[in-house]
Amino acid sequence: MKTLVKSSIKLLIRTKIIWLFIVLMPILSTVILKSNTTYTAYMDDVERLIELNDADEKVAYNAEKGDYVVKVYDASDSEMSNYLLDRMANSGMFILCRADISKEEVTDEFLKNRIDLDGHEDRMGSALYIPADFDKKVMNGEYTSALILYELSDDARTEAFINEINLQLSRMDAFKGYIAESDSKAEEMVDSLKSVDEMSPEKEIVSVSSSNERHLSQEQTNQKAQMGYAFAFLTLGFVFAGFFVANGAIKEQKNGVFTRITLSKTNTLYYFASKFISTLLVSFVMTGIVGICSLMLDMEDLGMNRITFLFLIFMMGLIFSTISMFMGIMFNDVFSASIASFTLWCMSSLFSGAYFPLDSASDGIKILSSLMPQKWFLDGTEMIFVGDNKAFGMVLCITVAYLAVTLSIGSIGLKVRRSEEWGVS
């Protein structure tokens, strides 16, 4: 076994083109990971404050992923009312759809008809009416009549929305005592509030996770996109590393080396096991080169430590190099094996979500994606980003599962191939 592995490694070392893939792919992946890009396909571009064209426009279409939507009838259109809506929208919990009715003649009948239509023909959590004298009522402390809220659903988040309104009104009430007496008290108060907002630390959602789904921050989605591209390039290197191991086996069969090995009473199983070990060693070497290249990376920007990163790369590489090796040996033809290896790389990268997210893809595509190893490694990357320690167990189980399936199917294929062309040991 040891002699067979040594001869396979020597043959690979003499194959100069393999070094192109083993060295070039890690360098290209490092360049991708080092670049700071914004991947718009993953961007959470949901607008939290939406300006409606008129009061008749429906707001149900603005709800995404179960967002709590509030339709706002703003008859004030003042700096203070705009500030209030901006603050509530920036809380990140609600989507506010504002209809400017400052030029409308607002009566009780008008509001009753609007709310009745909203309740029966539209879909929202609640509706909010801001009267024309909103500024005056706030400055006079008449908060109970400064806003009118209409609950149009039994959503429990309505209470959170009410609490947010009370919070913003209480802030306005607290600032009234700090401004000078003048005709422009409302504007002065808004300016003071904005000044305090600018001095406050900016809120940033790092990650949100639950047992059923994971939500990444913009920075993490950018990191995931970069990891997807890096996985694609590295997969190409690992696939062709396995191909060159298979190419060596094909040459040995064509040149009669395999026949001499079998005549020496060496078990055929040992021969193919040596090829698998050679593949494992090549994967380890390529992972080592990735590790050297990763010294140029800031691992904090990558979202994980270096050991975790190399663990993912090695496991993924072992899967693809093994699959490629067995495919090449079973085809027993260099041209067919090279086409099969390239097809394997193209299909796996395309359907795994390495290039673009598959959230909006059809169910058939999602099922097909589940068969691609890279998809699970990208999922593992997400889990690592949000601090889920189950990622390591999942990646390890996926690797063992793919290797078990590959070795099982490969052994059957090799048995058929041996009986036809390779000879029976």
Protein backbone atom coordinates (compact mmCIF):
# COMPACT_ATOMS: atom_id res chain seq x y z
CA MET A 1 0.00 0.00 0.00
CA LYS A 2 2.76 2.42 0.99
CA THR A 3 4.66 1.72 -2.23
CA LEU A 4 1.53 2.24 -4.33
CA VAL A 5 0.84 5.59 -2.67
CA LYS A 6 4.43 6.73 -3.21
CA SER A 7 4.33 5.80 -6.89
CA SER A 8 1.03 7.66 -7.35
CA ILE A 9 2.40 10.79 -5.65
CA LYS A 10 5.59 10.67 -7.75
CA LEU A 11 3.49 10.43 -10.90
CA LEU A 12 1.43 13.45 -9.78
CA ILE A 13 4.55 15.48 -9.01
CA ARG A 14 5.85 14.82 -12.52
CA THR A 15 2.52 16.04 -13.94
CA LYS A 16 3.33 19.74 -14.14
CA ILE A 17 -0.13 20.99 -15.06
CA ILE A 18 -1.59 19.79 -11.76
CA TRP A 19 0.44 22.48 -9.99
CA LEU A 20 -1.41 25.08 -12.05
CA PHE A 21 -4.66 24.07 -10.36
CA ILE A 22 -3.20 23.35 -6.92
CA VAL A 23 -1.46 26.74 -6.71
CA LEU A 24 -3.47 29.05 -8.97
CA MET A 25 -6.93 28.28 -7.55
CA PRO A 26 -5.97 29.13 -3.93
CA ILE A 27 -4.41 32.38 -5.14
CA LEU A 28 -7.54 33.33 -7.08
CA SER A 29 -9.77 32.47 -4.14
CA THR A 30 -7.59 34.61 -1.86
CA VAL A 31 -7.93 37.56 -4.24
CA ILE A 32 -11.71 37.18 -4.12
CA LEU A 33 -11.82 36.93 -0.33
CA LYS A 34 -9.53 39.93 0.04
CA SER A 35 -11.69 42.16 -2.14
CA ASN A 36 -14.33 44.22 -0.32
CA THR A 37 -17.45 44.02 -2.43
CA THR A 38 -21.14 44.58 -1.90
CA TYR A 39 -23.21 41.77 -3.33
CA THR A 40 -26.56 43.31 -4.22
CA ALA A 41 -28.27 39.95 -4.75
CA TYR A 42 -28.18 39.41 -1.00
CA MET A 43 -28.96 42.97 0.03
CA ASP A 44 -31.77 43.58 2.44
CA ASP A 45 -33.15 46.54 0.50
CA VAL A 46 -36.56 46.73 2.19
CA GLU A 47 -37.74 50.32 2.51
CA ARG A 48 -39.08 51.06 5.95
CA LEU A 49 -40.77 54.37 5.07
CA ILE A 50 -42.60 54.26 1.75
CA GLU A 51 -44.23 57.29 0.15
CA LEU A 52 -47.57 56.40 -1.45
CA ASN A 53 -48.77 58.17 -4.58
CA ASP A 54 -52.20 58.75 -3.04
CA ALA A 55 -54.43 57.56 -0.24
CA ASP A 56 -56.08 54.95 -2.48
CA GLU A 57 -52.86 53.01 -3.08
CA LYS A 58 -52.83 49.58 -1.43
CA VAL A 59 -50.04 48.71 0.98
CA ALA A 60 -50.33 44.91 1.12
CA TYR A 61 -47.77 44.52 -1.68
CA ASN A 62 -45.12 46.22 0.47
CA ALA A 63 -45.13 43.47 3.10
CA GLU A 64 -42.22 41.03 2.86
CA LYS A 65 -41.53 38.03 5.11
CA GLY A 66 -44.47 38.87 7.35
CA ASP A 67 -43.49 42.48 8.06
CA TYR A 68 -45.84 44.58 10.17
CA VAL A 69 -47.25 47.23 7.82
CA VAL A 70 -48.80 50.51 8.96
CA LYS A 71 -50.62 52.87 6.62
CA VAL A 72 -50.14 56.48 7.69
CA TYR A 73 -52.55 59.26 6.75
CA ASP A 74 -50.47 62.40 7.27
CA ALA A 75 -52.56 65.58 7.22
CA SER A 76 -49.79 67.58 8.89
CA ASP A 77 -46.78 67.05 6.58
CA SER A 78 -44.69 69.03 9.06
CA GLU A 79 -41.07 68.62 10.04
CA MET A 80 -42.17 67.14 13.34
CA SER A 81 -44.48 64.54 11.80
CA ASN A 82 -41.79 63.58 9.29
CA TYR A 83 -39.30 63.19 12.13
CA LEU A 84 -41.72 60.99 14.07
CA LEU A 85 -42.25 58.69 11.07
CA ASP A 86 -38.52 58.50 10.34
CA ARG A 87 -37.76 57.46 13.90
CA MET A 88 -40.43 54.77 13.95
CA ALA A 89 -39.33 53.44 10.56
CA ASN A 90 -35.68 53.34 11.67
CA SER A 91 -36.61 51.12 14.58
CA GLY A 92 -36.54 48.29 12.02
CA MET A 93 -39.70 46.66 13.34
CA PHE A 94 -42.32 48.19 11.05
CA ILE A 95 -42.94 49.27 7.48
CA LEU A 96 -44.71 52.63 7.30
CA CYS A 97 -46.58 53.56 4.13
CA ARG A 98 -47.24 57.30 4.20
CA ALA A 99 -50.07 58.95 2.27
CA ASP A 100 -49.88 62.75 2.19
CA ILE A 101 -53.42 64.08 2.73
CA SER A 102 -52.38 67.58 3.86
CA LYS A 103 -54.19 69.07 0.87
CA GLU A 104 -57.33 66.99 1.39
CA GLU A 105 -60.40 68.13 3.28
CA VAL A 106 -60.27 65.63 6.11
CA THR A 107 -63.55 64.95 7.91
CA ASP A 108 -64.75 62.19 10.19
CA GLU A 109 -66.66 60.71 7.24
CA PHE A 110 -63.51 60.78 5.09
CA LEU A 111 -61.52 58.90 7.72
CA LYS A 112 -64.33 56.42 8.35
CA ASN A 113 -64.53 55.52 4.65
CA ARG A 114 -60.74 55.22 4.32
CA ILE A 115 -60.40 52.93 7.34
CA ASP A 116 -63.37 50.84 6.21
CA LEU A 117 -61.72 50.28 2.80
CA ASP A 118 -58.39 49.49 4.44
CA GLY A 119 -59.98 46.89 6.68
CA HIS A 120 -61.91 45.11 3.91
CA GLU A 121 -59.90 45.60 0.70
CA ASP A 122 -56.31 45.92 1.90
CA ARG A 123 -54.06 44.16 4.37
CA MET A 124 -52.12 45.87 7.14
CA GLY A 125 -51.48 45.71 10.85
CA SER A 126 -52.93 49.12 11.65
CA ALA A 127 -53.56 52.60 10.27
CA LEU A 128 -52.30 55.84 11.79
CA TYR A 129 -53.85 59.28 11.33
CA ILE A 130 -51.75 62.41 11.96
CA PRO A 131 -54.03 65.49 12.14
CA ALA A 132 -53.15 68.84 10.58
CA ASP A 133 -52.57 70.44 14.01
CA PHE A 134 -50.20 67.68 15.15
CA ASP A 135 -47.37 70.10 16.01
CA LYS A 136 -49.65 72.32 18.08
CA LYS A 137 -51.09 69.43 20.05
CA VAL A 138 -47.65 68.01 20.81
CA MET A 139 -46.35 71.38 22.01
CA ASN A 140 -49.44 71.80 24.20
CA GLY A 141 -49.02 68.31 25.65
CA GLU A 142 -52.28 67.02 24.13
CA TYR A 143 -50.81 63.63 23.25
CA THR A 144 -54.04 61.65 23.45
CA SER A 145 -55.48 63.55 20.49
CA ALA A 146 -52.21 64.19 18.64
CA LEU A 147 -52.46 60.81 16.89
CA ILE A 148 -55.28 58.39 16.14
CA LEU A 149 -54.46 54.69 15.75
CA TYR A 150 -56.83 52.21 14.09
CA GLU A 151 -56.13 48.55 14.81
CA LEU A 152 -56.99 46.53 11.69
CA SER A 153 -55.66 43.12 12.73
CA ASP A 154 -55.16 40.97 15.80
CA ASP A 155 -51.39 41.04 15.31
CA ALA A 156 -49.63 41.08 18.68
CA ARG A 157 -47.02 43.46 17.24
CA THR A 158 -49.57 46.27 17.41
CA GLU A 159 -48.67 46.65 21.07
CA ALA A 160 -45.01 47.07 20.10
CA PHE A 161 -46.02 49.76 17.62
CA ILE A 162 -48.02 51.58 20.30
CA ASN A 163 -45.02 51.40 22.62
CA GLU A 164 -42.81 52.89 19.90
CA ILE A 165 -45.26 55.78 19.43
CA ASN A 166 -45.32 56.42 23.18
CA LEU A 167 -41.51 56.33 23.27
CA GLN A 168 -41.14 58.95 20.55
CA LEU A 169 -43.83 61.20 22.04
CA SER A 170 -42.19 60.96 25.47
CA ARG A 171 -38.88 62.05 23.93
CA MET A 172 -40.60 65.06 22.40
CA ASP A 173 -42.21 65.88 25.73
CA ALA A 174 -38.84 65.68 27.50
CA PHE A 175 -37.23 68.10 25.05
CA LYS A 176 -39.91 70.77 25.34
CA GLY A 177 -38.30 72.10 28.51
CA TYR A 178 -34.91 72.60 26.86
CA ILE A 179 -35.90 74.93 24.05
CA ALA A 180 -36.37 78.67 24.12
CA GLU A 181 -39.77 80.30 23.90
CA SER A 182 -40.39 81.38 20.29
CA ASP A 183 -42.82 80.99 17.44
CA SER A 184 -40.77 78.16 15.96
CA LYS A 185 -40.67 75.92 19.01
CA ALA A 186 -41.62 72.78 17.08
CA GLU A 187 -38.81 73.23 14.57
CA GLU A 188 -36.31 73.96 17.35
CA MET A 189 -37.36 70.82 19.20
CA VAL A 190 -36.91 68.68 16.08
CA ASP A 191 -33.45 70.16 15.53
CA SER A 192 -32.52 69.36 19.13
CA LEU A 193 -33.79 65.80 18.78
CA LYS A 194 -31.81 65.30 15.58
CA SER A 195 -28.66 66.61 17.27
CA VAL A 196 -29.06 64.05 20.04
CA ASP A 197 -29.72 61.31 17.48
CA GLU A 198 -26.45 62.11 15.72
CA MET A 199 -24.53 61.71 18.97
CA SER A 200 -26.19 58.41 19.81
CA PRO A 201 -24.34 55.17 18.89
CA GLU A 202 -25.57 53.69 15.64
CA LYS A 203 -27.54 50.48 16.03
CA GLU A 204 -26.33 47.57 13.94
CA ILE A 205 -27.93 44.13 13.69
CA VAL A 206 -25.05 41.65 13.62
CA SER A 207 -27.12 38.53 13.13
CA VAL A 208 -30.54 37.11 13.87
CA SER A 209 -31.05 33.38 14.06
CA SER A 210 -33.70 30.91 15.13
CA SER A 211 -34.24 27.19 14.94
CA ASN A 212 -35.92 27.48 11.55
CA GLU A 213 -34.10 30.26 9.74
CA ARG A 214 -31.06 32.49 9.78
CA HIS A 215 -30.89 36.18 8.90
CA LEU A 216 -27.48 37.66 8.14
CA SER A 217 -26.38 41.26 8.33
CA GLN A 218 -25.31 43.05 5.14
CA GLU A 219 -21.65 42.47 6.03
CA GLN A 220 -22.26 38.77 6.55
CA THR A 221 -24.17 38.39 3.29
CA ASN A 222 -21.25 40.02 1.49
CA GLN A 223 -18.89 37.58 3.22
CA LYS A 224 -21.10 34.67 2.24
CA ALA A 225 -21.14 35.81 -1.39
CA GLN A 226 -17.35 36.04 -1.42
CA MET A 227 -17.10 32.59 0.16
CA GLY A 228 -19.38 31.23 -2.55
CA TYR A 229 -17.12 32.51 -5.32
CA ALA A 230 -14.03 31.26 -3.47
CA PHE A 231 -15.64 27.83 -3.05
CA ALA A 232 -16.32 27.73 -6.80
CA PHE A 233 -12.68 28.41 -7.73
CA LEU A 234 -11.32 26.01 -5.11
CA THR A 235 -13.74 23.32 -6.25
CA LEU A 236 -12.29 23.58 -9.75
CA GLY A 237 -8.83 22.95 -8.33
CA PHE A 238 -9.95 19.97 -6.25
CA VAL A 239 -11.97 18.47 -9.11
CA PHE A 240 -9.00 18.49 -11.46
CA ALA A 241 -6.71 17.25 -8.70
CA GLY A 242 -8.91 14.16 -8.52
CA PHE A 243 -8.93 14.00 -12.32
CA PHE A 244 -5.13 13.88 -12.45
CA VAL A 245 -5.09 11.04 -9.90
CA ALA A 246 -7.56 9.19 -12.13
CA ASN A 247 -5.47 10.08 -15.18
CA GLY A 248 -2.49 8.36 -13.56
CA ALA A 249 -4.57 5.24 -12.98
CA ILE A 250 -5.76 5.29 -16.60
CA LYS A 251 -2.17 5.55 -17.85
CA GLU A 252 -1.12 2.67 -15.59
CA GLN A 253 -3.89 0.54 -17.03
CA LYS A 254 -3.00 1.46 -20.62
CA ASN A 255 0.73 0.79 -20.03
CA GLY A 256 0.17 -2.56 -18.36
CA VAL A 257 1.25 -1.38 -14.91
CA PHE A 258 -2.04 -2.45 -13.40
CA THR A 259 -1.61 -5.92 -14.91
CA ARG A 260 1.84 -6.28 -13.36
CA ILE A 261 0.44 -5.17 -10.01
CA THR A 262 -2.27 -7.82 -10.12
CA LEU A 263 0.27 -10.47 -11.18
CA SER A 264 2.27 -9.60 -8.06
CA LYS A 265 -0.78 -10.80 -6.10
CA THR A 266 -1.55 -7.31 -4.80
CA ASN A 267 -5.22 -7.00 -3.96
CA THR A 268 -7.03 -4.70 -6.40
CA LEU A 269 -8.79 -3.11 -3.44
CA TYR A 270 -5.42 -1.96 -2.11
CA TYR A 271 -4.61 -0.42 -5.47
CA PHE A 272 -7.75 1.72 -5.58
CA ALA A 273 -7.44 2.49 -1.86
CA SER A 274 -3.98 3.88 -2.61
CA LYS A 275 -5.54 6.19 -5.19
CA PHE A 276 -8.01 7.42 -2.59
CA ILE A 277 -5.18 8.07 -0.13
CA SER A 278 -3.31 9.93 -2.89
CA THR A 279 -6.40 12.06 -3.40
CA LEU A 280 -6.57 12.76 0.33
CA LEU A 281 -2.91 13.83 0.37
CA VAL A 282 -3.36 16.11 -2.65
CA SER A 283 -6.39 17.69 -0.95
CA PHE A 284 -4.31 18.21 2.17
CA VAL A 285 -1.51 19.85 0.17
CA MET A 286 -3.93 22.17 -1.62
CA THR A 287 -5.57 23.08 1.70
CA GLY A 288 -2.10 23.87 3.05
CA ILE A 289 -1.49 26.23 0.12
CA VAL A 290 -4.85 27.87 0.87
CA GLY A 291 -3.69 28.25 4.46
CA ILE A 292 -0.49 29.98 3.34
CA CYS A 293 -2.46 32.31 1.07
CA SER A 294 -4.90 33.04 3.91
CA LEU A 295 -2.07 34.72 5.83
CA MET A 296 -2.75 37.71 3.58
CA LEU A 297 -6.37 37.83 4.79
CA ASP A 298 -7.85 39.50 7.83
CA MET A 299 -9.85 36.61 9.28
CA GLU A 300 -12.19 39.03 11.09
CA ASP A 301 -13.30 40.30 7.69
CA LEU A 302 -13.90 36.68 6.70
CA GLY A 303 -16.23 36.07 9.65
CA MET A 304 -14.42 32.99 11.01
CA ASN A 305 -11.02 31.94 12.29
CA ARG A 306 -8.34 30.38 10.09
CA ILE A 307 -8.70 26.83 11.47
CA THR A 308 -12.44 26.81 10.78
CA PHE A 309 -11.89 28.19 7.29
CA LEU A 310 -9.31 25.52 6.43
CA PHE A 311 -11.54 22.82 7.94
CA LEU A 312 -14.33 23.76 5.53
CA ILE A 313 -11.94 23.88 2.56
CA PHE A 314 -10.37 20.50 3.30
CA MET A 315 -13.68 18.71 3.79
CA MET A 316 -15.17 20.18 0.63
CA GLY A 317 -12.00 19.41 -1.34
CA LEU A 318 -11.93 15.81 -0.17
CA ILE A 319 -15.48 15.28 -1.43
CA PHE A 320 -14.92 16.75 -4.89
CA SER A 321 -11.49 15.24 -5.50
CA THR A 322 -12.82 11.79 -4.53
CA ILE A 323 -15.88 12.08 -6.77
CA SER A 324 -13.74 13.30 -9.66
CA MET A 325 -11.21 10.50 -9.18
CA PHE A 326 -13.80 7.73 -9.28
CA MET A 327 -15.56 9.31 -12.27
CA GLY A 328 -12.28 9.46 -14.17
CA ILE A 329 -11.33 5.86 -13.40
CA MET A 330 -14.76 4.55 -14.39
CA PHE A 331 -14.72 6.46 -17.70
CA ASN A 332 -11.26 5.00 -18.36
CA ASP A 333 -10.66 7.69 -20.97
CA VAL A 334 -8.77 10.95 -20.47
CA PHE A 335 -10.98 13.02 -22.77
CA SER A 336 -14.26 11.74 -21.30
CA ALA A 337 -12.91 12.08 -17.77
CA SER A 338 -11.86 15.71 -18.33
CA ILE A 339 -15.30 16.58 -19.71
CA ALA A 340 -16.98 14.82 -16.79
CA SER A 341 -14.79 16.69 -14.29
CA PHE A 342 -15.52 20.06 -15.84
CA THR A 343 -19.25 19.28 -16.01
CA LEU A 344 -19.19 18.26 -12.35
CA TRP A 345 -17.65 21.61 -11.41
CA CYS A 346 -20.05 23.66 -13.57
CA MET A 347 -23.22 21.95 -12.36
CA SER A 348 -22.27 21.88 -8.68
CA SER A 349 -21.25 25.54 -8.63
CA LEU A 350 -24.32 26.65 -10.58
CA PHE A 351 -26.98 24.80 -8.59
CA SER A 352 -25.41 25.12 -5.14
CA GLY A 353 -25.99 28.87 -4.86
CA ALA A 354 -22.28 29.68 -5.02
CA TYR A 355 -22.88 32.39 -7.64
CA PHE A 356 -26.31 33.69 -6.63
CA PRO A 357 -28.94 32.95 -3.94
CA LEU A 358 -31.63 30.40 -4.70
CA ASP A 359 -34.29 31.81 -2.35
CA SER A 360 -36.64 32.60 -5.24
CA ALA A 361 -35.84 29.48 -7.27
CA SER A 362 -38.42 26.79 -8.00
CA ASP A 363 -38.85 23.81 -5.70
CA GLY A 364 -37.20 21.57 -8.29
CA ILE A 365 -34.08 23.73 -8.36
CA LYS A 366 -33.96 23.79 -4.55
CA ILE A 367 -34.18 19.99 -4.42
CA LEU A 368 -31.41 19.75 -7.00
CA SER A 369 -29.38 22.23 -4.97
CA SER A 370 -29.62 19.96 -1.93
CA LEU A 371 -27.63 17.34 -3.85
CA MET A 372 -24.69 19.70 -4.32
CA PRO A 373 -21.97 19.56 -1.63
CA GLN A 374 -21.19 23.28 -1.87
CA LYS A 375 -24.74 24.12 -0.83
CA TRP A 376 -24.21 22.45 2.53
CA PHE A 377 -20.86 24.13 3.02
CA LEU A 378 -22.46 27.52 2.35
CA ASP A 379 -25.13 26.63 4.91
CA GLY A 380 -22.35 25.70 7.31
CA THR A 381 -20.74 29.07 6.64
CA GLU A 382 -24.00 30.81 7.58
CA MET A 383 -24.23 28.78 10.79
CA ILE A 384 -20.67 29.76 11.71
CA PHE A 385 -21.49 33.42 11.06
CA VAL A 386 -24.36 33.34 13.56
CA GLY A 387 -22.36 31.36 16.13
CA ASP A 388 -24.15 28.02 15.70
CA ASN A 389 -21.70 25.34 16.88
CA LYS A 390 -23.73 22.64 15.14
CA ALA A 391 -22.05 23.71 11.90
CA PHE A 392 -18.99 21.52 12.51
CA GLY A 393 -21.03 18.40 13.15
CA MET A 394 -23.18 19.10 10.11
CA VAL A 395 -20.17 19.60 7.82
CA LEU A 396 -18.51 16.45 9.15
CA CYS A 397 -21.67 14.37 8.66
CA ILE A 398 -22.16 15.74 5.14
CA THR A 399 -18.56 14.89 4.24
CA VAL A 400 -18.86 11.34 5.59
CA ALA A 401 -22.19 10.88 3.79
CA TYR A 402 -20.86 12.03 0.41
CA LEU A 403 -17.71 9.93 0.77
CA ALA A 404 -19.77 6.87 1.76
CA VAL A 405 -22.06 7.27 -1.24
CA THR A 406 -19.15 7.98 -3.59
CA LEU A 407 -17.10 5.00 -2.38
CA SER A 408 -20.12 2.68 -2.49
CA ILE A 409 -21.19 3.65 -6.01
CA GLY A 410 -17.57 3.88 -7.10
CA SER A 411 -16.75 0.38 -5.86
CA ILE A 412 -19.69 -1.05 -7.81
CA GLY A 413 -18.62 0.83 -10.93
CA LEU A 414 -15.02 -0.28 -10.53
CA LYS A 415 -16.11 -3.88 -10.10
CA VAL A 416 -17.99 -3.69 -13.40
CA ARG A 417 -15.07 -1.89 -15.04
CA ARG A 418 -12.56 -4.48 -13.78
CA SER A 419 -14.61 -7.34 -15.16
CA GLU A 420 -14.77 -5.64 -18.56
CA GLU A 421 -11.38 -4.01 -19.11
CA TRP A 422 -9.20 -4.00 -16.00
CA GLY A 423 -9.22 -7.73 -15.43
CA VAL A 424 -10.32 -9.65 -12.37
CA SER A 425 -7.87 -9.88 -9.48
